[in-house]
Each structure stands twice: as C-alpha cells, then as structure tokens.
Amino acid sequence: MNAFNESVIEEFRANGGKVGGPFEGRDNMVVITTIGAKSGRAVTNPLVYVPDGERIVLIASNGGADKHPAWYHNLRANPELTVELGTETYTGKAEVLTGAEADELYERMIELMPVFAEYRENTSRRIPVVAVYRRPE
C-alpha cells in the first residue's frame, strides 16, 4: 500500500470516516478490505462511492489508467469484502453491474465528483461499476 492511501485510511479511522486534503467535506468515503486474488492476503483501500439505497456503488476507475485496479480483480476472485463506512464495519458482497444500470450509476458518480468524467475519457477500457450489498448478520 502506498503512503498516501495509508494516511487516508489512518485519518478515516481516527475521525469516524471523515478525511481532509483532497477529500475534505466528502461524505462518500469508504474503506474496503478485499482478499488478494493472487496473494490471498487482506488488502485495504480507501475509495469514494455512490450511495444507492441499501447498497454502495464503487467505480473501478483506477484514475483513468488502462488497467483495472487491483481491488477490482480481488473482488472478481472473491466477492466478499469488509466495508468501513463512517464508524460502522460490516461484511459485504460485491456484484459487477452492467448495461444501463452501470451507466446510470457512473453518471451519478460524475455528479458527485466530476473528475470521473475525465477518468472515463482517459482510457479505452470500460470502467467497471461494482455494487456492494450488506451481508445479513
């Protein structure tokens, strides 16, 4: 994990899900922990999400890079993850969305964070949209 992500996660956990810097004032931050597709180790990432009813939606933009982020590959291999949302932690199950539903949710992310339009323009790949459902206790 890089130092930037480490500091964001630390700040997120210390401040009940709130962070500063480029994420100041955002209420759509989440920390996810996936199981590495190759390593089998727990991997933690801070992300932004789109709230959508009972689920949250993650966009595998990887900042507009030409390859999917590692967390996306991890969820394809093992869709169970740990979600830290505000002060709450729960187990989730990921599902990759397609078609009009994925397109509409991507547009909602652009409304929240316009930079996601640039990410889409910067890559030829179709950026995956992933819904995370809370697992019943």
Protein backbone atom coordinates (compact mmCIF):
# COMPACT_ATOMS: atom_id res chain seq x y z
CA MET A 1 0.00 0.00 0.00
CA ASN A 2 1.27 3.46 -0.77
CA ALA A 3 1.88 6.12 1.88
CA PHE A 4 -0.97 8.34 0.62
CA ASN A 5 -3.55 5.54 0.98
CA GLU A 6 -2.14 4.62 4.39
CA SER A 7 -2.53 8.19 5.65
CA VAL A 8 -6.09 8.46 4.26
CA ILE A 9 -7.09 5.17 5.94
CA GLU A 10 -5.50 6.25 9.23
CA GLU A 11 -7.31 9.59 9.14
CA PHE A 12 -10.61 7.92 8.14
CA ARG A 13 -10.43 5.52 11.08
CA ALA A 14 -9.34 8.19 13.57
CA ASN A 15 -12.13 10.61 12.57
CA GLY A 16 -15.19 8.40 12.17
CA GLY A 17 -14.99 8.28 8.38
CA LYS A 18 -14.03 11.92 7.77
CA VAL A 19 -10.83 12.91 5.99
CA GLY A 20 -9.18 16.13 4.85
CA GLY A 21 -6.91 17.01 1.95
CA PRO A 22 -8.45 16.35 -1.48
CA PHE A 23 -11.38 14.59 0.23
CA GLU A 24 -12.25 17.43 2.65
CA GLY A 25 -16.00 17.71 3.17
CA ARG A 26 -16.81 14.48 1.30
CA ASP A 27 -19.31 12.17 2.90
CA ASN A 28 -18.87 9.41 0.31
CA MET A 29 -15.61 7.89 1.53
CA VAL A 30 -15.34 4.20 2.32
CA VAL A 31 -12.52 1.85 3.27
CA ILE A 32 -12.72 -1.66 1.84
CA THR A 33 -10.66 -4.73 2.64
CA THR A 34 -10.52 -7.45 0.00
CA ILE A 35 -8.62 -10.73 -0.20
CA GLY A 36 -5.79 -10.57 -2.74
CA ALA A 37 -6.62 -12.64 -5.86
CA LYS A 38 -3.01 -13.84 -6.09
CA SER A 39 -1.57 -13.26 -2.62
CA GLY A 40 -4.54 -14.41 -0.53
CA ARG A 41 -3.68 -11.56 1.88
CA ALA A 42 -6.03 -8.86 3.14
CA VAL A 43 -5.68 -5.66 1.08
CA THR A 44 -7.21 -2.38 2.29
CA ASN A 45 -8.09 0.60 0.06
CA PRO A 46 -9.78 3.96 0.64
CA LEU A 47 -12.34 4.70 -2.10
CA VAL A 48 -15.20 7.01 -2.90
CA TYR A 49 -18.65 5.55 -3.51
CA VAL A 50 -22.08 6.37 -4.83
CA PRO A 51 -24.83 5.82 -2.21
CA ASP A 52 -27.66 3.78 -3.74
CA GLY A 53 -30.36 2.76 -1.29
CA GLU A 54 -29.24 -0.20 0.81
CA ARG A 55 -26.04 -0.66 -1.19
CA ILE A 56 -22.97 1.35 -2.05
CA VAL A 57 -21.53 1.51 -5.56
CA LEU A 58 -17.81 1.55 -6.33
CA ILE A 59 -16.28 2.69 -9.62
CA ALA A 60 -13.12 0.79 -10.71
CA SER A 61 -11.68 3.84 -12.49
CA ASN A 62 -8.08 3.42 -11.35
CA GLY A 63 -7.72 7.15 -12.03
CA GLY A 64 -8.34 6.56 -15.74
CA ALA A 65 -5.45 4.09 -16.14
CA ASP A 66 -5.67 1.46 -18.88
CA LYS A 67 -5.96 -1.43 -16.43
CA HIS A 68 -8.43 -2.28 -13.70
CA PRO A 69 -7.39 -1.56 -10.08
CA ALA A 70 -6.16 -4.48 -8.00
CA TRP A 71 -9.18 -4.28 -5.66
CA TYR A 72 -11.47 -4.99 -8.63
CA HIS A 73 -9.51 -8.14 -9.55
CA ASN A 74 -9.64 -9.18 -5.89
CA LEU A 75 -13.44 -8.83 -5.81
CA ARG A 76 -13.80 -10.80 -9.05
CA ALA A 77 -11.83 -13.65 -7.43
CA ASN A 78 -13.57 -13.35 -4.04
CA PRO A 79 -16.67 -11.09 -3.88
CA GLU A 80 -16.74 -10.96 -0.06
CA LEU A 81 -15.21 -7.85 1.48
CA THR A 82 -15.12 -5.83 4.67
CA VAL A 83 -16.66 -2.37 4.41
CA GLU A 84 -15.86 0.51 6.76
CA LEU A 85 -18.47 3.22 6.35
CA GLY A 86 -18.28 6.09 8.83
CA THR A 87 -17.93 4.39 12.22
CA GLU A 88 -19.58 1.15 11.07
CA THR A 89 -17.87 -2.01 9.81
CA TYR A 90 -19.73 -4.81 8.04
CA THR A 91 -19.25 -7.67 5.61
CA GLY A 92 -20.35 -7.03 2.06
CA LYS A 93 -20.78 -8.96 -1.15
CA ALA A 94 -19.75 -7.37 -4.45
CA GLU A 95 -21.56 -7.69 -7.77
CA VAL A 96 -20.33 -6.21 -11.05
CA LEU A 97 -23.12 -4.25 -12.73
CA THR A 98 -23.60 -3.91 -16.49
CA GLY A 99 -25.67 -2.08 -19.06
CA ALA A 100 -27.94 0.86 -18.36
CA GLU A 101 -27.79 0.37 -14.57
CA ALA A 102 -23.98 0.66 -14.59
CA ASP A 103 -24.10 3.65 -16.94
CA GLU A 104 -26.62 5.50 -14.77
CA LEU A 105 -24.60 4.91 -11.59
CA TYR A 106 -21.41 6.07 -13.30
CA GLU A 107 -23.22 9.30 -14.26
CA ARG A 108 -24.26 9.71 -10.61
CA MET A 109 -20.58 9.42 -9.60
CA ILE A 110 -19.71 12.14 -12.13
CA GLU A 111 -22.35 14.38 -10.48
CA LEU A 112 -20.66 13.79 -7.10
CA MET A 113 -17.11 14.04 -8.44
CA PRO A 114 -16.76 15.47 -11.97
CA VAL A 115 -13.18 14.12 -12.30
CA PHE A 116 -14.72 10.69 -13.02
CA ALA A 117 -15.72 12.01 -16.49
CA GLU A 118 -12.02 12.59 -17.19
CA TYR A 119 -11.14 9.10 -15.97
CA ARG A 120 -13.57 7.64 -18.50
CA GLU A 121 -12.17 9.82 -21.30
CA ASN A 122 -8.57 8.83 -20.46
CA THR A 123 -8.99 5.09 -21.06
CA SER A 124 -10.30 2.83 -23.80
CA ARG A 125 -11.44 0.17 -21.30
CA ARG A 126 -14.98 0.06 -19.99
CA ILE A 127 -14.66 1.11 -16.35
CA PRO A 128 -16.40 -1.45 -14.13
CA VAL A 129 -19.20 -0.43 -11.77
CA VAL A 130 -19.49 -2.59 -8.64
CA ALA A 131 -22.44 -2.74 -6.24
CA VAL A 132 -21.72 -3.81 -2.66
CA TYR A 133 -24.55 -5.36 -0.70
CA ARG A 134 -24.52 -5.69 3.07
CA ARG A 135 -24.42 -9.35 4.13
CA PRO A 136 -27.13 -10.26 6.63
CA GLU A 137 -25.66 -10.82 10.10
